[in-house]
C-alpha atoms as a PDB file:
ATOM      1  CA  UNK A   1      77.528 115.729 150.316  1.00  0.00           C
ATOM      2  CA  UNK A   2      75.853 118.419 148.191  1.00  0.00           C
ATOM      3  CA  UNK A   3      72.883 119.932 149.892  1.00  0.00           C
ATOM      4  CA  UNK A   4      70.148 122.257 148.771  1.00  0.00           C
ATOM      5  CA  UNK A   5      66.789 123.653 149.796  1.00  0.00           C
ATOM      6  CA  UNK A   6      63.506 123.008 147.936  1.00  0.00           C
ATOM      7  CA  UNK A   7      62.463 125.570 145.371  1.00  0.00           C
ATOM      8  CA  UNK A   8      58.863 124.426 145.711  1.00  0.00           C
ATOM      9  CA  UNK A   9      56.911 121.520 147.516  1.00  0.00           C
ATOM     10  CA  UNK A  10      57.152 119.353 144.417  1.00  0.00           C
ATOM     11  CA  UNK A  11      60.682 120.132 143.180  1.00  0.00           C
ATOM     12  CA  UNK A  12      64.123 120.707 144.535  1.00  0.00           C
ATOM     13  CA  UNK A  13      65.248 123.224 141.972  1.00  0.00           C
ATOM     14  CA  UNK A  14      63.855 125.836 139.627  1.00  0.00           C
ATOM     15  CA  UNK A  15      63.169 125.322 135.888  1.00  0.00           C
ATOM     16  CA  UNK A  16      66.417 127.156 135.220  1.00  0.00           C
ATOM     17  CA  UNK A  17      68.379 124.743 137.477  1.00  0.00           C
ATOM     18  CA  UNK A  18      69.459 127.656 139.620  1.00  0.00           C
ATOM     19  CA  UNK A  19      70.732 125.620 142.655  1.00  0.00           C
ATOM     20  CA  UNK A  20      72.442 122.983 140.467  1.00  0.00           C
ATOM     21  CA  UNK A  21      74.213 125.797 138.606  1.00  0.00           C
ATOM     22  CA  UNK A  22      75.425 127.385 141.860  1.00  0.00           C
ATOM     23  CA  UNK A  23      76.884 124.101 143.003  1.00  0.00           C
ATOM     24  CA  UNK A  24      78.608 123.440 139.743  1.00  0.00           C
ATOM     25  CA  UNK A  25      80.073 126.953 139.747  1.00  0.00           C
ATOM     26  CA  UNK A  26      81.394 126.421 143.261  1.00  0.00           C
ATOM     27  CA  UNK A  27      83.011 123.060 142.310  1.00  0.00           C
ATOM     28  CA  UNK A  28      84.555 124.606 139.142  1.00  0.00           C
ATOM     29  CA  UNK A  29      85.963 127.622 140.961  1.00  0.00           C
ATOM     30  CA  UNK A  30      86.983 126.214 144.315  1.00  0.00           C
ATOM     31  CA  UNK A  31      90.707 125.827 144.833  1.00  0.00           C
ATOM     32  CA  UNK A  32      89.987 122.627 146.725  1.00  0.00           C
ATOM     33  CA  UNK A  33      88.520 120.913 143.662  1.00  0.00           C
ATOM     34  CA  UNK A  34      90.380 122.771 140.925  1.00  0.00           C
ATOM     35  CA  UNK A  35      87.633 121.984 138.466  1.00  0.00           C
ATOM     36  CA  UNK A  36      88.429 118.249 138.641  1.00  0.00           C
ATOM     37  CA  UNK A  37      85.272 117.339 140.557  1.00  0.00           C
ATOM     38  CA  UNK A  38      83.862 114.992 137.792  1.00  0.00           C
ATOM     39  CA  UNK A  39      86.013 112.053 139.080  1.00  0.00           C
ATOM     40  CA  UNK A  40      84.325 112.153 142.518  1.00  0.00           C
ATOM     41  CA  UNK A  41      81.171 110.455 143.737  1.00  0.00           C
ATOM     42  CA  UNK A  42      78.610 112.778 145.198  1.00  0.00           C
ATOM     43  CA  UNK A  43      75.541 112.297 147.405  1.00  0.00           C
ATOM     44  CA  UNK A  44      72.946 114.983 146.466  1.00  0.00           C
ATOM     45  CA  UNK A  45      70.198 115.175 149.015  1.00  0.00           C
ATOM     46  CA  UNK A  46      67.034 115.388 146.959  1.00  0.00           C
ATOM     47  CA  UNK A  47      68.378 113.419 143.933  1.00  0.00           C
ATOM     48  CA  UNK A  48      69.674 110.498 146.066  1.00  0.00           C
ATOM     49  CA  UNK A  49      66.465 109.867 148.045  1.00  0.00           C
ATOM     50  CA  UNK A  50      63.632 108.458 145.895  1.00  0.00           C
ATOM     51  CA  UNK A  51      60.571 110.641 146.103  1.00  0.00           C
ATOM     52  CA  UNK A  52      58.023 108.249 144.527  1.00  0.00           C
ATOM     53  CA  UNK A  53      58.729 104.681 145.844  1.00  0.00           C
ATOM     54  CA  UNK A  54      57.883 104.801 149.552  1.00  0.00           C
ATOM     55  CA  UNK A  55      59.705 101.506 150.364  1.00  0.00           C
ATOM     56  CA  UNK A  56      62.881 102.481 148.531  1.00  0.00           C
ATOM     57  CA  UNK A  57      62.743 105.972 150.161  1.00  0.00           C
ATOM     58  CA  UNK A  58      62.605 104.355 153.658  1.00  0.00           C
ATOM     59  CA  UNK A  59      65.556 102.128 152.866  1.00  0.00           C
ATOM     60  CA  UNK A  60      67.611 104.990 151.504  1.00  0.00           C
ATOM     61  CA  UNK A  61      66.920 107.058 154.619  1.00  0.00           C
ATOM     62  CA  UNK A  62      67.992 104.114 156.770  1.00  0.00           C
ATOM     63  CA  UNK A  63      71.280 104.041 154.895  1.00  0.00           C
ATOM     64  CA  UNK A  64      71.830 107.754 155.309  1.00  0.00           C
ATOM     65  CA  UNK A  65      73.956 107.477 158.507  1.00  0.00           C
ATOM     66  CA  UNK A  66      76.464 105.196 156.658  1.00  0.00           C
ATOM     67  CA  UNK A  67      76.561 107.543 153.679  1.00  0.00           C
ATOM     68  CA  UNK A  68      77.226 110.522 155.933  1.00  0.00           C
ATOM     69  CA  UNK A  69      80.185 108.788 157.556  1.00  0.00           C
ATOM     70  CA  UNK A  70      81.660 107.891 154.246  1.00  0.00           C
ATOM     71  CA  UNK A  71      81.546 111.452 152.843  1.00  0.00           C
ATOM     72  CA  UNK A  72      84.717 113.635 153.097  1.00  0.00           C
ATOM     73  CA  UNK A  73      83.194 116.964 152.137  1.00  0.00           C
ATOM     74  CA  UNK A  74      80.054 118.992 152.889  1.00  0.00           C
ATOM     75  CA  UNK A  75      78.752 121.682 150.581  1.00  0.00           C
ATOM     76  CA  UNK A  76      75.303 123.298 151.251  1.00  0.00           C
ATOM     77  CA  UNK A  77      73.370 126.056 149.637  1.00  0.00           C
ATOM     78  CA  UNK A  78      72.310 128.254 152.512  1.00  0.00           C
ATOM     79  CA  UNK A  79      69.493 129.849 150.605  1.00  0.00           C
ATOM     80  CA  UNK A  80      65.966 130.769 151.745  1.00  0.00           C
ATOM     81  CA  UNK A  81      64.811 128.665 154.647  1.00  0.00           C
ATOM     82  CA  UNK A  82      67.803 126.264 154.540  1.00  0.00           C
ATOM     83  CA  UNK A  83      68.908 127.053 158.124  1.00  0.00           C
ATOM     84  CA  UNK A  84      65.489 126.402 159.427  1.00  0.00           C
ATOM     85  CA  UNK A  85      64.685 123.177 157.654  1.00  0.00           C
ATOM     86  CA  UNK A  86      64.700 120.038 159.759  1.00  0.00           C
ATOM     87  CA  UNK A  87      66.400 117.731 157.280  1.00  0.00           C
ATOM     88  CA  UNK A  88      69.022 120.407 156.542  1.00  0.00           C
ATOM     89  CA  UNK A  89      69.714 120.648 160.279  1.00  0.00           C
ATOM     90  CA  UNK A  90      70.041 116.928 160.496  1.00  0.00           C
ATOM     91  CA  UNK A  91      72.602 116.891 157.612  1.00  0.00           C
ATOM     92  CA  UNK A  92      74.632 119.770 159.123  1.00  0.00           C
ATOM     93  CA  UNK A  93      74.563 118.633 162.688  1.00  0.00           C
ATOM     94  CA  UNK A  94      74.869 114.875 161.970  1.00  0.00           C
ATOM     95  CA  UNK A  95      77.861 115.260 159.555  1.00  0.00           C
ATOM     96  CA  UNK A  96      81.312 114.321 160.671  1.00  0.00           C
ATOM     97  CA  UNK A  97      82.717 116.353 163.595  1.00  0.00           C
ATOM     98  CA  UNK A  98      86.281 116.519 162.047  1.00  0.00           C
ATOM     99  CA  UNK A  99      85.179 118.221 158.808  1.00  0.00           C
ATOM    100  CA  UNK A 100      83.917 121.823 158.475  1.00  0.00           C
ATOM    101  CA  UNK A 101      80.681 122.472 156.530  1.00  0.00           C
ATOM    102  CA  UNK A 102      80.986 124.734 153.485  1.00  0.00           C
ATOM    103  CA  UNK A 103      77.889 126.815 153.125  1.00  0.00           C
ATOM    104  CA  UNK A 104      77.233 128.985 150.054  1.00  0.00           C
ATOM    105  CA  UNK A 105      75.152 132.134 150.661  1.00  0.00           C
ATOM    106  CA  UNK A 106      72.853 133.662 148.028  1.00  0.00           C
ATOM    107  CA  UNK A 107      75.436 136.388 147.362  1.00  0.00           C
ATOM    108  CA  UNK A 108      78.062 133.774 146.561  1.00  0.00           C
ATOM    109  CA  UNK A 109      79.952 134.172 149.855  1.00  0.00           C
ATOM    110  CA  UNK A 110      81.259 130.918 151.320  1.00  0.00           C
ATOM    111  CA  UNK A 111      81.073 130.136 155.082  1.00  0.00           C
ATOM    112  CA  UNK A 112      83.279 127.503 156.768  1.00  0.00           C
ATOM    113  CA  UNK A 113      81.206 126.249 159.685  1.00  0.00           C
ATOM    114  CA  UNK A 114      82.859 123.944 162.243  1.00  0.00           C
ATOM    115  CA  UNK A 115      80.969 121.243 164.081  1.00  0.00           C
ATOM    116  CA  UNK A 116      80.863 123.292 167.262  1.00  0.00           C
ATOM    117  CA  UNK A 117      79.433 126.252 165.367  1.00  0.00           C
ATOM    118  CA  UNK A 118      76.391 124.524 163.929  1.00  0.00           C
ATOM    119  CA  UNK A 119      74.145 124.971 166.825  1.00  0.00           C
ATOM    120  CA  UNK A 120      74.659 128.742 166.982  1.00  0.00           C
ATOM    121  CA  UNK A 121      73.939 129.042 163.275  1.00  0.00           C
ATOM    122  CA  UNK A 122      71.042 126.656 162.898  1.00  0.00           C
ATOM    123  CA  UNK A 123      69.292 126.614 166.243  1.00  0.00           C
ATOM    124  CA  UNK A 124      67.738 123.675 168.117  1.00  0.00           C
ATOM    125  CA  UNK A 125      67.432 120.008 167.553  1.00  0.00           C
ATOM    126  CA  UNK A 126      66.991 118.916 163.919  1.00  0.00           C
ATOM    127  CA  UNK A 127      63.448 117.528 164.453  1.00  0.00           C
ATOM    128  CA  UNK A 128      62.405 120.987 165.752  1.00  0.00           C
ATOM    129  CA  UNK A 129      62.984 122.488 162.371  1.00  0.00           C
ATOM    130  CA  UNK A 130      60.526 122.937 159.489  1.00  0.00           C
ATOM    131  CA  UNK A 131      59.219 119.573 158.173  1.00  0.00           C
ATOM    132  CA  UNK A 132      56.219 117.450 157.885  1.00  0.00           C
ATOM    133  CA  UNK A 133      54.947 116.042 161.184  1.00  0.00           C
ATOM    134  CA  UNK A 134      55.527 112.527 159.999  1.00  0.00           C
ATOM    135  CA  UNK A 135      59.212 113.307 159.413  1.00  0.00           C
ATOM    136  CA  UNK A 136      59.993 114.254 162.948  1.00  0.00           C
ATOM    137  CA  UNK A 137      60.301 110.634 164.401  1.00  0.00           C
ATOM    138  CA  UNK A 138      62.227 109.584 161.287  1.00  0.00           C
ATOM    139  CA  UNK A 139      64.730 112.444 161.841  1.00  0.00           C
ATOM    140  CA  UNK A 140      65.135 111.367 165.510  1.00  0.00           C
ATOM    141  CA  UNK A 141      65.760 107.785 164.369  1.00  0.00           C
ATOM    142  CA  UNK A 142      68.401 108.887 161.944  1.00  0.00           C
ATOM    143  CA  UNK A 143      70.226 110.942 164.623  1.00  0.00           C
ATOM    144  CA  UNK A 144      70.185 107.931 166.906  1.00  0.00           C
ATOM    145  CA  UNK A 145      71.534 105.714 164.084  1.00  0.00           C
ATOM    146  CA  UNK A 146      74.398 108.222 163.533  1.00  0.00           C
ATOM    147  CA  UNK A 147      75.240 107.974 167.251  1.00  0.00           C
ATOM    148  CA  UNK A 148      75.300 104.152 166.918  1.00  0.00           C
ATOM    149  CA  UNK A 149      77.580 104.297 163.859  1.00  0.00           C
ATOM    150  CA  UNK A 150      79.949 106.611 165.737  1.00  0.00           C
ATOM    151  CA  UNK A 151      79.938 104.234 168.696  1.00  0.00           C
ATOM    152  CA  UNK A 152      80.879 101.373 166.419  1.00  0.00           C
ATOM    153  CA  UNK A 153      83.773 103.350 165.076  1.00  0.00           C
ATOM    154  CA  UNK A 154      84.854 104.789 168.396  1.00  0.00           C
ATOM    155  CA  UNK A 155      87.711 103.869 170.722  1.00  0.00           C
ATOM    156  CA  UNK A 156      89.897 102.458 167.958  1.00  0.00           C
ATOM    157  CA  UNK A 157      91.874 105.430 166.565  1.00  0.00           C
ATOM    158  CA  UNK A 158      95.618 105.507 167.108  1.00  0.00           C
ATOM    159  CA  UNK A 159      97.160 108.778 168.311  1.00  0.00           C
ATOM    160  CA  UNK A 160      99.763 109.328 165.488  1.00  0.00           C
ATOM    161  CA  UNK A 161      98.912 112.099 163.016  1.00  0.00           C
ATOM    162  CA  UNK A 162     100.819 113.438 160.067  1.00  0.00           C
ATOM    163  CA  UNK A 163     103.228 116.311 160.959  1.00  0.00           C
ATOM    164  CA  UNK A 164     103.118 119.306 158.574  1.00  0.00           C
ATOM    165  CA  UNK A 165     106.212 120.998 157.319  1.00  0.00           C
ATOM    166  CA  UNK A 166     106.078 124.777 157.665  1.00  0.00           C
ATOM    167  CA  UNK A 167     109.414 125.795 156.039  1.00  0.00           C
ATOM    168  CA  UNK A 168     109.717 126.169 152.256  1.00  0.00           C
ATOM    169  CA  UNK A 169     113.362 125.021 152.384  1.00  0.00           C
ATOM    170  CA  UNK A 170     112.396 121.809 154.074  1.00  0.00           C
ATOM    171  CA  UNK A 171     109.447 121.367 151.716  1.00  0.00           C
ATOM    172  CA  UNK A 172     111.695 120.923 148.633  1.00  0.00           C
ATOM    173  CA  UNK A 173     113.235 117.574 149.667  1.00  0.00           C
ATOM    174  CA  UNK A 174     109.864 116.432 151.018  1.00  0.00           C
ATOM    175  CA  UNK A 175     108.288 117.374 147.645  1.00  0.00           C
ATOM    176  CA  UNK A 176     110.797 115.163 145.873  1.00  0.00           C
ATOM    177  CA  UNK A 177     109.946 112.296 148.251  1.00  0.00           C
ATOM    178  CA  UNK A 178     106.183 112.623 147.957  1.00  0.00           C
ATOM    179  CA  UNK A 179     106.233 113.155 144.145  1.00  0.00           C
ATOM    180  CA  UNK A 180     108.393 110.014 143.708  1.00  0.00           C
ATOM    181  CA  UNK A 181     106.157 107.932 146.065  1.00  0.00           C
ATOM    182  CA  UNK A 182     103.004 109.179 144.384  1.00  0.00           C
ATOM    183  CA  UNK A 183     104.358 108.282 140.946  1.00  0.00           C
ATOM    184  CA  UNK A 184     106.002 104.968 141.918  1.00  0.00           C
ATOM    185  CA  UNK A 185     109.314 106.189 140.624  1.00  0.00           C
ATOM    186  CA  UNK A 186     111.681 103.841 142.631  1.00  0.00           C
ATOM    187  CA  UNK A 187     115.020 105.356 141.482  1.00  0.00           C
ATOM    188  CA  UNK A 188     113.732 108.865 142.269  1.00  0.00           C
ATOM    189  CA  UNK A 189     112.366 107.606 145.557  1.00  0.00           C
ATOM    190  CA  UNK A 190     115.746 106.088 146.559  1.00  0.00           C
ATOM    191  CA  UNK A 191     117.431 109.390 145.721  1.00  0.00           C
ATOM    192  CA  UNK A 192     114.885 111.409 147.677  1.00  0.00           C
ATOM    193  CA  UNK A 193     115.346 109.117 150.698  1.00  0.00           C
ATOM    194  CA  UNK A 194     119.078 109.728 150.594  1.00  0.00           C
ATOM    195  CA  UNK A 195     118.505 113.502 150.420  1.00  0.00           C
ATOM    196  CA  UNK A 196     116.031 113.747 153.240  1.00  0.00           C
ATOM    197  CA  UNK A 197     117.269 116.355 155.829  1.00  0.00           C
ATOM    198  CA  UNK A 198     118.313 115.175 159.294  1.00  0.00           C
ATOM    199  CA  UNK A 199     116.208 117.887 161.135  1.00  0.00           C
ATOM    200  CA  UNK A 200     113.655 116.560 163.485  1.00  0.00           C
ATOM    201  CA  UNK A 201     111.008 118.960 161.996  1.00  0.00           C
ATOM    202  CA  UNK A 202     110.779 117.001 158.767  1.00  0.00           C
ATOM    203  CA  UNK A 203     110.666 113.176 158.333  1.00  0.00           C
ATOM    204  CA  UNK A 204     109.396 110.426 156.067  1.00  0.00           C
ATOM    205  CA  UNK A 205     106.015 110.828 157.800  1.00  0.00           C
ATOM    206  CA  UNK A 206     105.631 114.575 157.126  1.00  0.00           C
ATOM    207  CA  UNK A 207     103.405 116.390 154.616  1.00  0.00           C
ATOM    208  CA  UNK A 208     103.299 119.990 153.459  1.00  0.00           C
ATOM    209  CA  UNK A 209     101.234 122.576 155.275  1.00  0.00           C
ATOM    210  CA  UNK A 210      98.584 124.389 153.231  1.00  0.00           C
ATOM    211  CA  UNK A 211     100.608 127.620 153.498  1.00  0.00           C
ATOM    212  CA  UNK A 212     104.383 127.368 153.565  1.00  0.00           C
ATOM    213  CA  UNK A 213     106.238 130.649 153.914  1.00  0.00           C
ATOM    214  CA  UNK A 214     103.493 132.373 152.145  1.00  0.00           C
ATOM    215  CA  UNK A 215     103.326 129.900 149.271  1.00  0.00           C
ATOM    216  CA  UNK A 216     100.248 127.660 148.619  1.00  0.00           C
ATOM    217  CA  UNK A 217     102.134 124.382 148.696  1.00  0.00           C
ATOM    218  CA  UNK A 218      99.134 122.284 147.721  1.00  0.00           C
ATOM    219  CA  UNK A 219      98.545 124.503 144.630  1.00  0.00           C
ATOM    220  CA  UNK A 220     102.264 124.440 143.609  1.00  0.00           C
ATOM    221  CA  UNK A 221     102.429 120.593 143.743  1.00  0.00           C
ATOM    222  CA  UNK A 222      98.704 119.941 143.032  1.00  0.00           C
ATOM    223  CA  UNK A 223      98.349 118.028 146.278  1.00  0.00           C
ATOM    224  CA  UNK A 224      94.908 117.919 148.034  1.00  0.00           C
ATOM    225  CA  UNK A 225      96.402 119.242 151.287  1.00  0.00           C
ATOM    226  CA  UNK A 226      93.072 118.905 153.065  1.00  0.00           C
ATOM    227  CA  UNK A 227      93.727 115.096 153.288  1.00  0.00           C
ATOM    228  CA  UNK A 228      97.300 115.590 154.775  1.00  0.00           C
ATOM    229  CA  UNK A 229      98.669 112.516 153.017  1.00  0.00           C
ATOM    230  CA  UNK A 230     102.393 111.792 153.446  1.00  0.00           C
ATOM    231  CA  UNK A 231     104.575 109.770 151.074  1.00  0.00           C
ATOM    232  CA  UNK A 232     103.382 106.375 152.428  1.00  0.00           C
ATOM    233  CA  UNK A 233      99.780 107.399 152.073  1.00  0.00           C
ATOM    234  CA  UNK A 234     100.272 108.400 148.460  1.00  0.00           C
ATOM    235  CA  UNK A 235     102.233 105.259 147.504  1.00  0.00           C
ATOM    236  CA  UNK A 236      99.538 103.022 149.039  1.00  0.00           C
ATOM    237  CA  UNK A 237      96.638 104.887 147.479  1.00  0.00           C
ATOM    238  CA  UNK A 238      98.099 104.965 143.980  1.00  0.00           C
ATOM    239  CA  UNK A 239      99.113 101.327 144.039  1.00  0.00           C
ATOM    240  CA  UNK A 240     102.910 101.321 144.266  1.00  0.00           C
ATOM    241  CA  UNK A 241     103.800  98.308 146.386  1.00  0.00           C
ATOM    242  CA  UNK A 242     107.530  98.544 145.915  1.00  0.00           C
ATOM    243  CA  UNK A 243     107.446 102.205 147.069  1.00  0.00           C
ATOM    244  CA  UNK A 244     105.401 101.095 150.120  1.00  0.00           C
ATOM    245  CA  UNK A 245     107.891  98.426 151.001  1.00  0.00           C
ATOM    246  CA  UNK A 246     110.914 100.797 150.451  1.00  0.00           C
ATOM    247  CA  UNK A 247     109.423 103.516 152.604  1.00  0.00           C
ATOM    248  CA  UNK A 248     108.661 101.000 155.444  1.00  0.00           C
ATOM    249  CA  UNK A 249     112.254  99.629 155.183  1.00  0.00           C
ATOM    250  CA  UNK A 250     113.542 103.203 155.683  1.00  0.00           C
ATOM    251  CA  UNK A 251     111.494 103.782 158.772  1.00  0.00           C
ATOM    252  CA  UNK A 252     108.207 105.327 157.642  1.00  0.00           C
ATOM    253  CA  UNK A 253     105.624 104.922 160.398  1.00  0.00           C
ATOM    254  CA  UNK A 254     102.670 102.867 159.074  1.00  0.00           C
ATOM    255  CA  UNK A 255     100.260 103.928 161.824  1.00  0.00           C
ATOM    256  CA  UNK A 256     100.341 107.685 161.009  1.00  0.00           C
ATOM    257  CA  UNK A 257      96.893 108.993 160.086  1.00  0.00           C
ATOM    258  CA  UNK A 258      95.872 111.672 157.617  1.00  0.00           C
ATOM    259  CA  UNK A 259      93.218 114.344 158.193  1.00  0.00           C
ATOM    260  CA  UNK A 260      90.447 111.698 157.484  1.00  0.00           C
ATOM    261  CA  UNK A 261      91.987 109.578 160.227  1.00  0.00           C
ATOM    262  CA  UNK A 262      93.178 106.850 157.789  1.00  0.00           C
ATOM    263  CA  UNK A 263      96.472 105.190 157.870  1.00  0.00           C
ATOM    264  CA  UNK A 264      98.198 104.190 154.612  1.00  0.00           C
ATOM    265  CA  UNK A 265      96.942 100.597 155.060  1.00  0.00           C
ATOM    266  CA  UNK A 266      93.434 101.822 155.611  1.00  0.00           C
ATOM    267  CA  UNK A 267      93.745 104.176 152.555  1.00  0.00           C
ATOM    268  CA  UNK A 268      94.804 101.330 150.290  1.00  0.00           C
ATOM    269  CA  UNK A 269      91.979  99.106 151.546  1.00  0.00           C
ATOM    270  CA  UNK A 270      89.505 102.030 151.172  1.00  0.00           C
ATOM    271  CA  UNK A 271      90.753 102.686 147.597  1.00  0.00           C
ATOM    272  CA  UNK A 272      90.505  99.075 146.649  1.00  0.00           C
ATOM    273  CA  UNK A 273      86.911  98.697 147.820  1.00  0.00           C
ATOM    274  CA  UNK A 274      85.626 102.133 146.925  1.00  0.00           C
ATOM    275  CA  UNK A 275      82.841 102.207 144.346  1.00  0.00           C
ATOM    276  CA  UNK A 276      84.679 105.035 142.718  1.00  0.00           C
ATOM    277  CA  UNK A 277      87.868 102.945 142.181  1.00  0.00           C
ATOM    278  CA  UNK A 278      89.772 102.870 139.926  1.00  0.00           C
ATOM    279  CA  UNK A 279      88.374 105.728 137.822  1.00  0.00           C
ATOM    280  CA  UNK A 280      89.535 108.249 140.461  1.00  0.00           C
ATOM    281  CA  UNK A 281      93.121 107.107 140.028  1.00  0.00           C
ATOM    282  CA  UNK A 282      93.136 108.103 136.216  1.00  0.00           C
ATOM    283  CA  UNK A 283      94.787 104.826 135.223  1.00  0.00           C
ATOM    284  CA  UNK A 284      93.707 103.372 131.885  1.00  0.00           C
ATOM    285  CA  UNK A 285      94.744  99.829 132.902  1.00  0.00           C
ATOM    286  CA  UNK A 286      92.091  99.257 135.635  1.00  0.00           C
ATOM    287  CA  UNK A 287      92.736  95.601 136.220  1.00  0.00           C
ATOM    288  CA  UNK A 288      96.470  96.122 136.654  1.00  0.00           C
ATOM    289  CA  UNK A 289      95.787  99.165 138.925  1.00  0.00           C
ATOM    290  CA  UNK A 290      93.507  97.170 141.143  1.00  0.00           C
ATOM    291  CA  UNK A 291      96.125  94.400 141.395  1.00  0.00           C
ATOM    292  CA  UNK A 292      98.762  96.899 142.497  1.00  0.00           C
ATOM    293  CA  UNK A 293      96.630  98.487 145.147  1.00  0.00           C
ATOM    294  CA  UNK A 294      95.815  95.007 146.463  1.00  0.00           C
ATOM    295  CA  UNK A 295      99.572  94.246 146.591  1.00  0.00           C
ATOM    296  CA  UNK A 296      99.955  97.387 148.800  1.00  0.00           C
ATOM    297  CA  UNK A 297      97.314  96.031 151.123  1.00  0.00           C
ATOM    298  CA  UNK A 298      99.048  92.621 151.251  1.00  0.00           C
ATOM    299  CA  UNK A 299     102.428  94.382 151.963  1.00  0.00           C
ATOM    300  CA  UNK A 300     100.948  95.960 155.188  1.00  0.00           C
ATOM    301  CA  UNK A 301      99.379  92.547 156.052  1.00  0.00           C
ATOM    302  CA  UNK A 302     102.765  90.819 155.634  1.00  0.00           C
ATOM    303  CA  UNK A 303     104.419  93.372 157.833  1.00  0.00           C
ATOM    304  CA  UNK A 304     101.845  92.869 160.531  1.00  0.00           C
ATOM    305  CA  UNK A 305     102.397  89.136 160.476  1.00  0.00           C
ATOM    306  CA  UNK A 306     106.101  89.710 160.741  1.00  0.00           C
ATOM    307  CA  UNK A 307     105.617  91.425 164.075  1.00  0.00           C
ATOM    308  CA  UNK A 308     105.075  95.143 163.531  1.00  0.00           C
ATOM    309  CA  UNK A 309     103.235  96.053 166.799  1.00  0.00           C
ATOM    310  CA  UNK A 310     101.606  99.179 165.451  1.00  0.00           C
ATOM    311  CA  UNK A 311     100.096  97.283 162.449  1.00  0.00           C
ATOM    312  CA  UNK A 312      99.044  94.448 164.715  1.00  0.00           C
ATOM    313  CA  UNK A 313      97.186  96.882 166.919  1.00  0.00           C
ATOM    314  CA  UNK A 314      95.613  98.361 163.844  1.00  0.00           C
ATOM    315  CA  UNK A 315      94.542  94.954 162.630  1.00  0.00           C
ATOM    316  CA  UNK A 316      92.930  94.191 165.993  1.00  0.00           C
ATOM    317  CA  UNK A 317      91.058  97.545 165.842  1.00  0.00           C
ATOM    318  CA  UNK A 318      89.831  96.685 162.384  1.00  0.00           C
ATOM    319  CA  UNK A 319      88.646  93.294 163.432  1.00  0.00           C
ATOM    320  CA  UNK A 320      86.728  94.817 166.336  1.00  0.00           C
ATOM    321  CA  UNK A 321      85.060  97.346 164.050  1.00  0.00           C
ATOM    322  CA  UNK A 322      84.040  94.612 161.662  1.00  0.00           C
ATOM    323  CA  UNK A 323      82.684  92.480 164.571  1.00  0.00           C
ATOM    324  CA  UNK A 324      80.545  95.426 165.722  1.00  0.00           C
ATOM    325  CA  UNK A 325      79.271  96.006 162.183  1.00  0.00           C
ATOM    326  CA  UNK A 326      78.828  92.267 161.338  1.00  0.00           C
ATOM    327  CA  UNK A 327      75.396  91.515 160.012  1.00  0.00           C
ATOM    328  CA  UNK A 328      74.736  95.165 159.384  1.00  0.00           C
ATOM    329  CA  UNK A 329      76.843  95.869 156.351  1.00  0.00           C
ATOM    330  CA  UNK A 330      78.287  93.806 153.446  1.00  0.00           C
ATOM    331  CA  UNK A 331      81.932  92.837 153.477  1.00  0.00           C
ATOM    332  CA  UNK A 332      82.704  95.488 150.899  1.00  0.00           C
ATOM    333  CA  UNK A 333      81.099  98.240 152.899  1.00  0.00           C
ATOM    334  CA  UNK A 334      82.866  97.174 156.084  1.00  0.00           C
ATOM    335  CA  UNK A 335      86.269  97.127 154.321  1.00  0.00           C
ATOM    336  CA  UNK A 336      85.672 100.547 152.668  1.00  0.00           C
ATOM    337  CA  UNK A 337      84.509 102.101 155.945  1.00  0.00           C
ATOM    338  CA  UNK A 338      87.572 100.775 157.835  1.00  0.00           C
END
C-alpha cells in the first residue's frame, strides 16, 4: 500500500507531482525493492478509490479490508497532517499486525513503525481523526470489517516457521541449495542436498538471516529476505515441480511458514491465482510457467492424499477458511488469500 496525504481538497498531489516523486524515489533507492518495483502491484490510496462515481467509490471502500489483508508492504508519506487524518489512521492502524509500516518524513528520513507503536504515534481511534462528518461511520464500518476478515483467517495457522541461518560458513551450502531450488536446476539441487551440513542449526527448511556475520546475505544473493523463503518456498513459487518433489523426498517440512505466514503449498497457490502472475516471475513463456506452478500445487495435494498429516491439517484449515468466506469472495480471491 502506498499512502499519501492530500495537497488540497480537490487533489491528492501538487502540480509538480511532489508526493508521487517522493514515493518513486523511495522505491528506486530502497534496498528492499532494489529499483525493481515495476513488477509489483500497488494499491495507491487516492488513485484506487474513485472520487467521482459515488456507487463505485462505496464498493471500493467495502473491498478495502480485503485489499489491506492482501498487501505485503506499507509505505506512507508522513507529511503535513498525515498523522492526524482519519483515513490515514485507519490505514496505519488497520494494516496487518505482522508487518511494520514504513513512513517517509518530509526530510526524507524513514521510520519503521510496528503495529504496537501506531497508537503512540497517531493518537486515538481512526474515526476521531480529521475527516468529513459523513466519513466517520464509514471508517467505523471498515474497521469492523477488518476485524471480521481477521476472524475468518484466525485459528488456522500452524506453528512451524522458517529458521534463519546466522553463520556465513553455514550459509554457503544453504545458498547452493536455495539457488538450485529457485532455478529448478535438478542436478545442482541433488549435489546441494548431498553437501548439506549435518549440524542441527541448518536444515532444508532454513533460510539466510538478513545480516550474517556482518554480511547482507539478501543483497549478496539477491533474495528478498523479508519474506524468509526457504528452498521449498522458492521451488514452489517459481514453478519447479521436480524440485518440490525432490525436496519433499529428502525431508523438507511442507508446513513451514515464511514471514507472510505462507507455506510453500500456499505460496504456489497464491502465485497461480495472483493477478500479478506470471509477469512477476519474469518468464517469457507465461502459459508454460502457469502450468508448472499448477504442477507444484498438485504435488502438494498428491502428498496430502498420500497421508502427510501436516498437509492434511493444512488442507482442513484451507477448507475451513473457504467455508467462512463462501459467498463473500470469488473462488479466485479465496484461493489467492489462502
